[in-house]
Amino acid sequence: ENIQTATHCVTRLRLVLKDQEKVEVKKLESLEIVKGSFL
């Protein structure tokens, strides 16, 4: 419900979120396939 749109480029998943504050950054970046994240 927080995801508005999604696309991707060569290396990144690009999301437009309704509320950026809901992102749990440390948990997200602890995943094996995630190499980092940023806004």
PDB file of all heavy atoms in Angstrom:
ATOM      1  N   GLU A   1       0.814  -1.220   0.000  1.00  0.00           N
ATOM      2  CA  GLU A   1       0.000   0.000   0.000  1.00  0.00           C
ATOM      3  C   GLU A   1       0.845   1.267   0.000  1.00  0.00           C
ATOM      4  O   GLU A   1       0.332   2.354  -0.294  1.00  0.00           O
ATOM      5  CB  GLU A   1      -0.936   0.012   1.210  1.00  0.00           C
ATOM      6  CG  GLU A   1      -0.234   0.038   2.562  1.00  0.00           C
ATOM      7  CD  GLU A   1       0.242  -1.319   3.039  1.00  0.00           C
ATOM      8  OE1 GLU A   1       0.052  -2.320   2.289  1.00  0.00           O
ATOM      9  OE2 GLU A   1       0.801  -1.390   4.142  1.00  0.00           O
ATOM     10  N   ASN A   2       2.135   1.160   0.287  1.00  0.00           N
ATOM     11  CA  ASN A   2       3.010   2.342   0.315  1.00  0.00           C
ATOM     12  C   ASN A   2       3.728   2.567  -1.006  1.00  0.00           C
ATOM     13  O   ASN A   2       4.426   3.553  -1.183  1.00  0.00           O
ATOM     14  CB  ASN A   2       4.045   2.197   1.438  1.00  0.00           C
ATOM     15  CG  ASN A   2       4.737   3.518   1.765  1.00  0.00           C
ATOM     16  OD1 ASN A   2       4.103   4.572   1.767  1.00  0.00           O
ATOM     17  ND2 ASN A   2       6.031   3.472   1.999  1.00  0.00           N
ATOM     18  N   ILE A   3       3.556   1.639  -1.947  1.00  0.00           N
ATOM     19  CA  ILE A   3       4.263   1.712  -3.229  1.00  0.00           C
ATOM     20  C   ILE A   3       3.354   2.340  -4.277  1.00  0.00           C
ATOM     21  O   ILE A   3       2.271   1.823  -4.576  1.00  0.00           O
ATOM     22  CB  ILE A   3       4.706   0.306  -3.689  1.00  0.00           C
ATOM     23  CG1 ILE A   3       5.622  -0.321  -2.645  1.00  0.00           C
ATOM     24  CG2 ILE A   3       5.400   0.390  -5.053  1.00  0.00           C
ATOM     25  CD1 ILE A   3       5.869  -1.798  -2.853  1.00  0.00           C
ATOM     26  N   GLN A   4       3.806   3.453  -4.820  1.00  0.00           N
ATOM     27  CA  GLN A   4       3.014   4.152  -5.836  1.00  0.00           C
ATOM     28  C   GLN A   4       3.340   3.646  -7.237  1.00  0.00           C
ATOM     29  O   GLN A   4       2.461   3.246  -7.985  1.00  0.00           O
ATOM     30  CB  GLN A   4       3.268   5.660  -5.745  1.00  0.00           C
ATOM     31  CG  GLN A   4       2.380   6.486  -6.657  1.00  0.00           C
ATOM     32  CD  GLN A   4       2.557   7.976  -6.427  1.00  0.00           C
ATOM     33  OE1 GLN A   4       3.118   8.406  -5.419  1.00  0.00           O
ATOM     34  NE2 GLN A   4       2.085   8.779  -7.357  1.00  0.00           N
ATOM     35  N   THR A   5       4.618   3.663  -7.602  1.00  0.00           N
ATOM     36  CA  THR A   5       5.065   3.149  -8.902  1.00  0.00           C
ATOM     37  C   THR A   5       6.423   2.496  -8.728  1.00  0.00           C
ATOM     38  O   THR A   5       7.121   2.721  -7.730  1.00  0.00           O
ATOM     39  CB  THR A   5       5.187   4.259  -9.969  1.00  0.00           C
ATOM     40  OG1 THR A   5       6.162   5.223  -9.527  1.00  0.00           O
ATOM     41  CG2 THR A   5       3.879   4.952 -10.219  1.00  0.00           C
ATOM     42  N   ALA A   6       6.806   1.689  -9.708  1.00  0.00           N
ATOM     43  CA  ALA A   6       8.101   1.022  -9.660  1.00  0.00           C
ATOM     44  C   ALA A   6       8.677   0.905 -11.061  1.00  0.00           C
ATOM     45  O   ALA A   6       7.953   0.691 -12.036  1.00  0.00           O
ATOM     46  CB  ALA A   6       7.967  -0.371  -9.044  1.00  0.00           C
ATOM     47  N   THR A   7       9.995   1.070 -11.146  1.00  0.00           N
ATOM     48  CA  THR A   7      10.715   0.826 -12.388  1.00  0.00           C
ATOM     49  C   THR A   7      12.129   0.415 -11.994  1.00  0.00           C
ATOM     50  O   THR A   7      12.427   0.216 -10.819  1.00  0.00           O
ATOM     51  CB  THR A   7      10.719   2.079 -13.298  1.00  0.00           C
ATOM     52  OG1 THR A   7      11.322   1.746 -14.554  1.00  0.00           O
ATOM     53  CG2 THR A   7      11.506   3.218 -12.676  1.00  0.00           C
ATOM     54  N   HIS A   8      13.011   0.250 -12.961  1.00  0.00           N
ATOM     55  CA  HIS A   8      14.389  -0.101 -12.637  1.00  0.00           C
ATOM     56  C   HIS A   8      15.324   0.431 -13.721  1.00  0.00           C
ATOM     57  O   HIS A   8      14.909   0.743 -14.843  1.00  0.00           O
ATOM     58  CB  HIS A   8      14.557  -1.622 -12.502  1.00  0.00           C
ATOM     59  CG  HIS A   8      14.505  -2.358 -13.823  1.00  0.00           C
ATOM     60  ND1 HIS A   8      15.625  -2.643 -14.560  1.00  0.00           N
ATOM     61  CD2 HIS A   8      13.452  -2.857 -14.530  1.00  0.00           C
ATOM     62  CE1 HIS A   8      15.280  -3.298 -15.664  1.00  0.00           C
ATOM     63  NE2 HIS A   8      13.964  -3.427 -15.670  1.00  0.00           N
ATOM     64  N   CYS A   9      16.611   0.561 -13.346  1.00  0.00           N
ATOM     65  CA  CYS A   9      17.637   0.927 -14.322  1.00  0.00           C
ATOM     66  C   CYS A   9      18.630  -0.228 -14.390  1.00  0.00           C
ATOM     67  O   CYS A   9      18.274  -1.369 -14.106  1.00  0.00           O
ATOM     68  CB  CYS A   9      18.307   2.246 -13.930  1.00  0.00           C
ATOM     69  SG  CYS A   9      19.086   2.220 -12.306  1.00  0.00           S
ATOM     70  N   VAL A  10      19.876   0.031 -14.736  1.00  0.00           N
ATOM     71  CA  VAL A  10      20.853  -1.040 -14.917  1.00  0.00           C
ATOM     72  C   VAL A  10      21.165  -1.747 -13.602  1.00  0.00           C
ATOM     73  O   VAL A  10      21.387  -2.953 -13.571  1.00  0.00           O
ATOM     74  CB  VAL A  10      22.156  -0.480 -15.530  1.00  0.00           C
ATOM     75  CG1 VAL A  10      23.217  -1.557 -15.642  1.00  0.00           C
ATOM     76  CG2 VAL A  10      21.867   0.112 -16.904  1.00  0.00           C
ATOM     77  N   THR A  11      21.169  -0.998 -12.503  1.00  0.00           N
ATOM     78  CA  THR A  11      21.587  -1.578 -11.224  1.00  0.00           C
ATOM     79  C   THR A  11      20.570  -1.422 -10.095  1.00  0.00           C
ATOM     80  O   THR A  11      20.698  -2.079  -9.074  1.00  0.00           O
ATOM     81  CB  THR A  11      22.900  -0.921 -10.743  1.00  0.00           C
ATOM     82  OG1 THR A  11      22.692   0.489 -10.577  1.00  0.00           O
ATOM     83  CG2 THR A  11      24.018  -1.147 -11.734  1.00  0.00           C
ATOM     84  N   ARG A  12      19.572  -0.545 -10.257  1.00  0.00           N
ATOM     85  CA  ARG A  12      18.737  -0.168  -9.115  1.00  0.00           C
ATOM     86  C   ARG A  12      17.252  -0.383  -9.353  1.00  0.00           C
ATOM     87  O   ARG A  12      16.752  -0.170 -10.454  1.00  0.00           O
ATOM     88  CB  ARG A  12      18.971   1.308  -8.778  1.00  0.00           C
ATOM     89  CG  ARG A  12      20.289   1.613  -8.120  1.00  0.00           C
ATOM     90  CD  ARG A  12      20.665   3.073  -8.273  1.00  0.00           C
ATOM     91  NE  ARG A  12      21.137   3.370  -9.623  1.00  0.00           N
ATOM     92  CZ  ARG A  12      21.227   4.592 -10.121  1.00  0.00           C
ATOM     93  NH1 ARG A  12      20.874   5.627  -9.401  1.00  0.00           N
ATOM     94  NH2 ARG A  12      21.679   4.772 -11.346  1.00  0.00           N
ATOM     95  N   LEU A  13      16.570  -0.772  -8.298  1.00  0.00           N
ATOM     96  CA  LEU A  13      15.117  -0.780  -8.262  1.00  0.00           C
ATOM     97  C   LEU A  13      14.692   0.618  -7.836  1.00  0.00           C
ATOM     98  O   LEU A  13      15.123   1.114  -6.796  1.00  0.00           O
ATOM     99  CB  LEU A  13      14.638  -1.823  -7.252  1.00  0.00           C
ATOM    100  CG  LEU A  13      13.166  -2.212  -7.240  1.00  0.00           C
ATOM    101  CD1 LEU A  13      12.784  -2.871  -8.545  1.00  0.00           C
ATOM    102  CD2 LEU A  13      12.905  -3.165  -6.070  1.00  0.00           C
ATOM    103  N   ARG A  14      13.862   1.289  -8.642  1.00  0.00           N
ATOM    104  CA  ARG A  14      13.480   2.681  -8.377  1.00  0.00           C
ATOM    105  C   ARG A  14      12.005   2.738  -8.010  1.00  0.00           C
ATOM    106  O   ARG A  14      11.153   2.389  -8.820  1.00  0.00           O
ATOM    107  CB  ARG A  14      13.742   3.548  -9.612  1.00  0.00           C
ATOM    108  CG  ARG A  14      15.226   3.677  -9.970  1.00  0.00           C
ATOM    109  CD  ARG A  14      15.382   4.303 -11.346  1.00  0.00           C
ATOM    110  NE  ARG A  14      16.762   4.680 -11.607  1.00  0.00           N
ATOM    111  CZ  ARG A  14      17.182   5.902 -11.841  1.00  0.00           C
ATOM    112  NH1 ARG A  14      16.324   6.912 -11.834  1.00  0.00           N
ATOM    113  NH2 ARG A  14      18.455   6.156 -12.088  1.00  0.00           N
ATOM    114  N   LEU A  15      11.724   3.196  -6.801  1.00  0.00           N
ATOM    115  CA  LEU A  15      10.355   3.216  -6.297  1.00  0.00           C
ATOM    116  C   LEU A  15       9.913   4.639  -5.981  1.00  0.00           C
ATOM    117  O   LEU A  15      10.695   5.427  -5.449  1.00  0.00           O
ATOM    118  CB  LEU A  15      10.243   2.371  -5.025  1.00  0.00           C
ATOM    119  CG  LEU A  15      10.809   0.950  -5.067  1.00  0.00           C
ATOM    120  CD1 LEU A  15      10.668   0.296  -3.707  1.00  0.00           C
ATOM    121  CD2 LEU A  15      10.118   0.129  -6.146  1.00  0.00           C
ATOM    122  N   VAL A  16       8.673   4.937  -6.304  1.00  0.00           N
ATOM    123  CA  VAL A  16       8.032   6.155  -5.821  1.00  0.00           C
ATOM    124  C   VAL A  16       7.095   5.727  -4.710  1.00  0.00           C
ATOM    125  O   VAL A  16       6.132   4.991  -4.946  1.00  0.00           O
ATOM    126  CB  VAL A  16       7.255   6.877  -6.940  1.00  0.00           C
ATOM    127  CG1 VAL A  16       6.537   8.096  -6.384  1.00  0.00           C
ATOM    128  CG2 VAL A  16       8.203   7.297  -8.061  1.00  0.00           C
ATOM    129  N   LEU A  17       7.416   6.142  -3.483  1.00  0.00           N
ATOM    130  CA  LEU A  17       6.657   5.723  -2.300  1.00  0.00           C
ATOM    131  C   LEU A  17       5.740   6.843  -1.818  1.00  0.00           C
ATOM    132  O   LEU A  17       6.050   8.018  -1.974  1.00  0.00           O
ATOM    133  CB  LEU A  17       7.624   5.325  -1.178  1.00  0.00           C
ATOM    134  CG  LEU A  17       8.639   4.229  -1.515  1.00  0.00           C
ATOM    135  CD1 LEU A  17       9.572   3.996  -0.334  1.00  0.00           C
ATOM    136  CD2 LEU A  17       7.934   2.938  -1.907  1.00  0.00           C
ATOM    137  N   LYS A  18       4.653   6.458  -1.221  1.00  0.00           N
ATOM    138  CA  LYS A  18       3.725   7.443  -0.685  1.00  0.00           C
ATOM    139  C   LYS A  18       4.278   8.096   0.584  1.00  0.00           C
ATOM    140  O   LYS A  18       4.071   9.282   0.824  1.00  0.00           O
ATOM    141  CB  LYS A  18       2.378   6.772  -0.393  1.00  0.00           C
ATOM    142  CG  LYS A  18       1.686   6.239  -1.650  1.00  0.00           C
ATOM    143  CD  LYS A  18       0.408   5.486  -1.298  1.00  0.00           C
ATOM    144  CE  LYS A  18      -0.228   4.904  -2.555  1.00  0.00           C
ATOM    145  NZ  LYS A  18      -1.436   4.096  -2.245  1.00  0.00           N
ATOM    146  N   ASP A  19       4.994   7.314   1.377  1.00  0.00           N
ATOM    147  CA  ASP A  19       5.561   7.827   2.622  1.00  0.00           C
ATOM    148  C   ASP A  19       6.965   7.250   2.798  1.00  0.00           C
ATOM    149  O   ASP A  19       7.123   6.063   3.107  1.00  0.00           O
ATOM    150  CB  ASP A  19       4.680   7.436   3.814  1.00  0.00           C
ATOM    151  CG  ASP A  19       5.160   8.058   5.123  1.00  0.00           C
ATOM    152  OD1 ASP A  19       6.207   8.745   5.111  1.00  0.00           O
ATOM    153  OD2 ASP A  19       4.493   7.853   6.147  1.00  0.00           O
ATOM    154  N   GLN A  20       7.999   8.091   2.596  1.00  0.00           N
ATOM    155  CA  GLN A  20       9.380   7.642   2.710  1.00  0.00           C
ATOM    156  C   GLN A  20       9.733   7.237   4.138  1.00  0.00           C
ATOM    157  O   GLN A  20      10.644   6.426   4.350  1.00  0.00           O
ATOM    158  CB  GLN A  20      10.336   8.773   2.261  1.00  0.00           C
ATOM    159  CG  GLN A  20       9.996   9.430   0.940  1.00  0.00           C
ATOM    160  CD  GLN A  20      10.318   8.553  -0.253  1.00  0.00           C
ATOM    161  OE1 GLN A  20      10.839   7.461  -0.086  1.00  0.00           O
ATOM    162  NE2 GLN A  20       9.996   9.009  -1.446  1.00  0.00           N
ATOM    163  N   GLU A  21       9.032   7.790   5.127  1.00  0.00           N
ATOM    164  CA  GLU A  21       9.358   7.533   6.529  1.00  0.00           C
ATOM    165  C   GLU A  21       9.076   6.092   6.940  1.00  0.00           C
ATOM    166  O   GLU A  21       9.568   5.616   7.969  1.00  0.00           O
ATOM    167  CB  GLU A  21       8.568   8.490   7.435  1.00  0.00           C
ATOM    168  CG  GLU A  21       8.860   9.967   7.207  1.00  0.00           C
ATOM    169  CD  GLU A  21      10.316  10.305   7.497  1.00  0.00           C
ATOM    170  OE1 GLU A  21      10.883   9.730   8.442  1.00  0.00           O
ATOM    171  OE2 GLU A  21      10.878  11.153   6.768  1.00  0.00           O
ATOM    172  N   LYS A  22       8.288   5.378   6.173  1.00  0.00           N
ATOM    173  CA  LYS A  22       7.942   4.006   6.520  1.00  0.00           C
ATOM    174  C   LYS A  22       9.044   3.004   6.161  1.00  0.00           C
ATOM    175  O   LYS A  22       8.953   1.827   6.539  1.00  0.00           O
ATOM    176  CB  LYS A  22       6.636   3.600   5.823  1.00  0.00           C
ATOM    177  CG  LYS A  22       5.401   4.325   6.353  1.00  0.00           C
ATOM    178  CD  LYS A  22       4.140   3.787   5.707  1.00  0.00           C
ATOM    179  CE  LYS A  22       2.890   4.465   6.284  1.00  0.00           C
ATOM    180  NZ  LYS A  22       1.652   3.931   5.663  1.00  0.00           N
ATOM    181  N   VAL A  23      10.056   3.443   5.449  1.00  0.00           N
ATOM    182  CA  VAL A  23      11.133   2.533   5.043  1.00  0.00           C
ATOM    183  C   VAL A  23      11.985   2.148   6.255  1.00  0.00           C
ATOM    184  O   VAL A  23      12.459   3.003   6.990  1.00  0.00           O
ATOM    185  CB  VAL A  23      12.033   3.180   3.967  1.00  0.00           C
ATOM    186  CG1 VAL A  23      13.162   2.218   3.580  1.00  0.00           C
ATOM    187  CG2 VAL A  23      11.208   3.551   2.740  1.00  0.00           C
ATOM    188  N   GLU A  24      12.187   0.851   6.444  1.00  0.00           N
ATOM    189  CA  GLU A  24      13.058   0.345   7.501  1.00  0.00           C
ATOM    190  C   GLU A  24      14.429   0.077   6.876  1.00  0.00           C
ATOM    191  O   GLU A  24      14.711  -1.028   6.405  1.00  0.00           O
ATOM    192  CB  GLU A  24      12.463  -0.915   8.113  1.00  0.00           C
ATOM    193  CG  GLU A  24      11.104  -0.698   8.762  1.00  0.00           C
ATOM    194  CD  GLU A  24      10.519  -1.973   9.334  1.00  0.00           C
ATOM    195  OE1 GLU A  24      10.985  -2.421  10.395  1.00  0.00           O
ATOM    196  OE2 GLU A  24       9.598  -2.524   8.695  1.00  0.00           O
ATOM    197  N   VAL A  25      15.278   1.103   6.883  1.00  0.00           N
ATOM    198  CA  VAL A  25      16.513   1.085   6.124  1.00  0.00           C
ATOM    199  C   VAL A  25      17.451  -0.042   6.554  1.00  0.00           C
ATOM    200  O   VAL A  25      17.957  -0.798   5.714  1.00  0.00           O
ATOM    201  CB  VAL A  25      17.240   2.449   6.240  1.00  0.00           C
ATOM    202  CG1 VAL A  25      18.559   2.408   5.489  1.00  0.00           C
ATOM    203  CG2 VAL A  25      16.360   3.557   5.691  1.00  0.00           C
ATOM    204  N   LYS A  26      17.700  -0.179   7.856  1.00  0.00           N
ATOM    205  CA  LYS A  26      18.660  -1.183   8.323  1.00  0.00           C
ATOM    206  C   LYS A  26      18.202  -2.598   8.001  1.00  0.00           C
ATOM    207  O   LYS A  26      19.001  -3.456   7.598  1.00  0.00           O
ATOM    208  CB  LYS A  26      18.902  -1.020   9.826  1.00  0.00           C
ATOM    209  CG  LYS A  26      19.719   0.221  10.173  1.00  0.00           C
ATOM    210  CD  LYS A  26      20.135   0.211  11.632  1.00  0.00           C
ATOM    211  CE  LYS A  26      21.033   1.404  11.937  1.00  0.00           C
ATOM    212  NZ  LYS A  26      21.496   1.410  13.354  1.00  0.00           N
ATOM    213  N   LYS A  27      16.915  -2.860   8.183  1.00  0.00           N
ATOM    214  CA  LYS A  27      16.392  -4.185   7.841  1.00  0.00           C
ATOM    215  C   LYS A  27      16.473  -4.434   6.335  1.00  0.00           C
ATOM    216  O   LYS A  27      16.807  -5.537   5.894  1.00  0.00           O
ATOM    217  CB  LYS A  27      14.942  -4.313   8.322  1.00  0.00           C
ATOM    218  CG  LYS A  27      14.787  -4.383   9.836  1.00  0.00           C
ATOM    219  CD  LYS A  27      13.328  -4.580  10.214  1.00  0.00           C
ATOM    220  CE  LYS A  27      13.164  -4.680  11.727  1.00  0.00           C
ATOM    221  NZ  LYS A  27      11.747  -4.862  12.124  1.00  0.00           N
ATOM    222  N   LEU A  28      16.154  -3.392   5.555  1.00  0.00           N
ATOM    223  CA  LEU A  28      16.202  -3.509   4.100  1.00  0.00           C
ATOM    224  C   LEU A  28      17.618  -3.839   3.634  1.00  0.00           C
ATOM    225  O   LEU A  28      17.832  -4.748   2.827  1.00  0.00           O
ATOM    226  CB  LEU A  28      15.725  -2.203   3.458  1.00  0.00           C
ATOM    227  CG  LEU A  28      15.765  -2.111   1.926  1.00  0.00           C
ATOM    228  CD1 LEU A  28      14.803  -3.118   1.310  1.00  0.00           C
ATOM    229  CD2 LEU A  28      15.432  -0.708   1.460  1.00  0.00           C
ATOM    230  N   GLU A  29      18.604  -3.128   4.169  1.00  0.00           N
ATOM    231  CA  GLU A  29      19.980  -3.308   3.722  1.00  0.00           C
ATOM    232  C   GLU A  29      20.641  -4.546   4.314  1.00  0.00           C
ATOM    233  O   GLU A  29      21.764  -4.885   3.957  1.00  0.00           O
ATOM    234  CB  GLU A  29      20.789  -2.049   4.044  1.00  0.00           C
ATOM    235  CG  GLU A  29      20.306  -0.835   3.261  1.00  0.00           C
ATOM    236  CD  GLU A  29      21.185   0.385   3.449  1.00  0.00           C
ATOM    237  OE1 GLU A  29      22.043   0.360   4.353  1.00  0.00           O
ATOM    238  OE2 GLU A  29      21.012   1.354   2.686  1.00  0.00           O
ATOM    239  N   SER A  30      19.948  -5.214   5.231  1.00  0.00           N
ATOM    240  CA  SER A  30      20.480  -6.471   5.774  1.00  0.00           C
ATOM    241  C   SER A  30      20.186  -7.654   4.860  1.00  0.00           C
ATOM    242  O   SER A  30      20.751  -8.739   5.037  1.00  0.00           O
ATOM    243  CB  SER A  30      19.878  -6.745   7.165  1.00  0.00           C
ATOM    244  OG  SER A  30      18.488  -7.051   7.060  1.00  0.00           O
ATOM    245  N   LEU A  31      19.315  -7.459   3.872  1.00  0.00           N
ATOM    246  CA  LEU A  31      18.961  -8.538   2.944  1.00  0.00           C
ATOM    247  C   LEU A  31      20.131  -8.876   2.033  1.00  0.00           C
ATOM    248  O   LEU A  31      20.913  -8.007   1.638  1.00  0.00           O
ATOM    249  CB  LEU A  31      17.750  -8.130   2.103  1.00  0.00           C
ATOM    250  CG  LEU A  31      16.448  -7.883   2.870  1.00  0.00           C
ATOM    251  CD1 LEU A  31      15.380  -7.334   1.932  1.00  0.00           C
ATOM    252  CD2 LEU A  31      15.968  -9.163   3.540  1.00  0.00           C
ATOM    253  N   GLU A  32      20.229 -10.128   1.664  1.00  0.00           N
ATOM    254  CA  GLU A  32      21.367 -10.609   0.879  1.00  0.00           C
ATOM    255  C   GLU A  32      21.470  -9.934  -0.479  1.00  0.00           C
ATOM    256  O   GLU A  32      22.567  -9.632  -0.947  1.00  0.00           O
ATOM    257  CB  GLU A  32      21.238 -12.127   0.698  1.00  0.00           C
ATOM    258  CG  GLU A  32      22.401 -12.749  -0.070  1.00  0.00           C
ATOM    259  CD  GLU A  32      22.232 -14.236  -0.268  1.00  0.00           C
ATOM    260  OE1 GLU A  32      21.256 -14.798   0.274  1.00  0.00           O
ATOM    261  OE2 GLU A  32      23.062 -14.831  -0.971  1.00  0.00           O
ATOM    262  N   ILE A  33      20.348  -9.695  -1.125  1.00  0.00           N
ATOM    263  CA  ILE A  33      20.402  -9.168  -2.492  1.00  0.00           C
ATOM    264  C   ILE A  33      20.480  -7.647  -2.539  1.00  0.00           C
ATOM    265  O   ILE A  33      20.653  -7.066  -3.611  1.00  0.00           O
ATOM    266  CB  ILE A  33      19.177  -9.629  -3.318  1.00  0.00           C
ATOM    267  CG1 ILE A  33      17.876  -9.122  -2.689  1.00  0.00           C
ATOM    268  CG2 ILE A  33      19.165 -11.121  -3.467  1.00  0.00           C
ATOM    269  CD1 ILE A  33      16.641  -9.418  -3.539  1.00  0.00           C
ATOM    270  N   VAL A  34      20.353  -6.987  -1.400  1.00  0.00           N
ATOM    271  CA  VAL A  34      20.375  -5.514  -1.362  1.00  0.00           C
ATOM    272  C   VAL A  34      21.780  -5.036  -1.031  1.00  0.00           C
ATOM    273  O   VAL A  34      22.347  -5.394   0.002  1.00  0.00           O
ATOM    274  CB  VAL A  34      19.369  -4.966  -0.330  1.00  0.00           C
ATOM    275  CG1 VAL A  34      19.501  -3.448  -0.215  1.00  0.00           C
ATOM    276  CG2 VAL A  34      17.950  -5.349  -0.725  1.00  0.00           C
ATOM    277  N   LYS A  35      22.351  -4.229  -1.916  1.00  0.00           N
ATOM    278  CA  LYS A  35      23.712  -3.721  -1.731  1.00  0.00           C
ATOM    279  C   LYS A  35      23.731  -2.293  -1.179  1.00  0.00           C
ATOM    280  O   LYS A  35      24.796  -1.724  -0.959  1.00  0.00           O
ATOM    281  CB  LYS A  35      24.471  -3.778  -3.056  1.00  0.00           C
ATOM    282  CG  LYS A  35      24.641  -5.197  -3.592  1.00  0.00           C
ATOM    283  CD  LYS A  35      25.376  -5.195  -4.918  1.00  0.00           C
ATOM    284  CE  LYS A  35      25.657  -6.623  -5.372  1.00  0.00           C
ATOM    285  NZ  LYS A  35      24.429  -7.389  -5.646  1.00  0.00           N
ATOM    286  N   GLY A  36      22.571  -1.713  -0.995  1.00  0.00           N
ATOM    287  CA  GLY A  36      22.488  -0.352  -0.476  1.00  0.00           C
ATOM    288  C   GLY A  36      21.188   0.283  -0.911  1.00  0.00           C
ATOM    289  O   GLY A  36      20.465  -0.249  -1.769  1.00  0.00           O
ATOM    290  N   SER A  37      20.864   1.420  -0.317  1.00  0.00           N
ATOM    291  CA  SER A  37      19.654   2.140  -0.701  1.00  0.00           C
ATOM    292  C   SER A  37      19.835   3.614  -0.394  1.00  0.00           C
ATOM    293  O   SER A  37      20.638   3.982   0.471  1.00  0.00           O
ATOM    294  CB  SER A  37      18.432   1.588   0.060  1.00  0.00           C
ATOM    295  OG  SER A  37      18.563   1.820   1.454  1.00  0.00           O
ATOM    296  N   PHE A  38      19.100   4.440  -1.123  1.00  0.00           N
ATOM    297  CA  PHE A  38      19.193   5.878  -0.917  1.00  0.00           C
ATOM    298  C   PHE A  38      17.985   6.555  -1.551  1.00  0.00           C
ATOM    299  O   PHE A  38      17.310   5.985  -2.417  1.00  0.00           O
ATOM    300  CB  PHE A  38      20.496   6.442  -1.513  1.00  0.00           C
ATOM    301  CG  PHE A  38      20.632   6.223  -2.997  1.00  0.00           C
ATOM    302  CD1 PHE A  38      20.334   7.244  -3.893  1.00  0.00           C
ATOM    303  CD2 PHE A  38      21.081   5.013  -3.502  1.00  0.00           C
ATOM    304  CE1 PHE A  38      20.470   7.049  -5.263  1.00  0.00           C
ATOM    305  CE2 PHE A  38      21.213   4.817  -4.871  1.00  0.00           C
ATOM    306  CZ  PHE A  38      20.917   5.838  -5.752  1.00  0.00           C
ATOM    307  N   LEU A  39      17.745   7.778  -1.117  1.00  0.00           N
ATOM    308  CA  LEU A  39      16.659   8.594  -1.649  1.00  0.00           C
ATOM    309  C   LEU A  39      17.255   9.675  -2.533  1.00  0.00           C
ATOM    310  O   LEU A  39      18.139  10.413  -2.103  1.00  0.00           O
ATOM    311  CB  LEU A  39      15.867   9.228  -0.513  1.00  0.00           C
ATOM    312  CG  LEU A  39      14.702  10.150  -0.907  1.00  0.00           C
ATOM    313  CD1 LEU A  39      13.625   9.357  -1.638  1.00  0.00           C
ATOM    314  CD2 LEU A  39      14.121  10.827   0.327  1.00  0.00           C
TER     315      LEU A  39
END
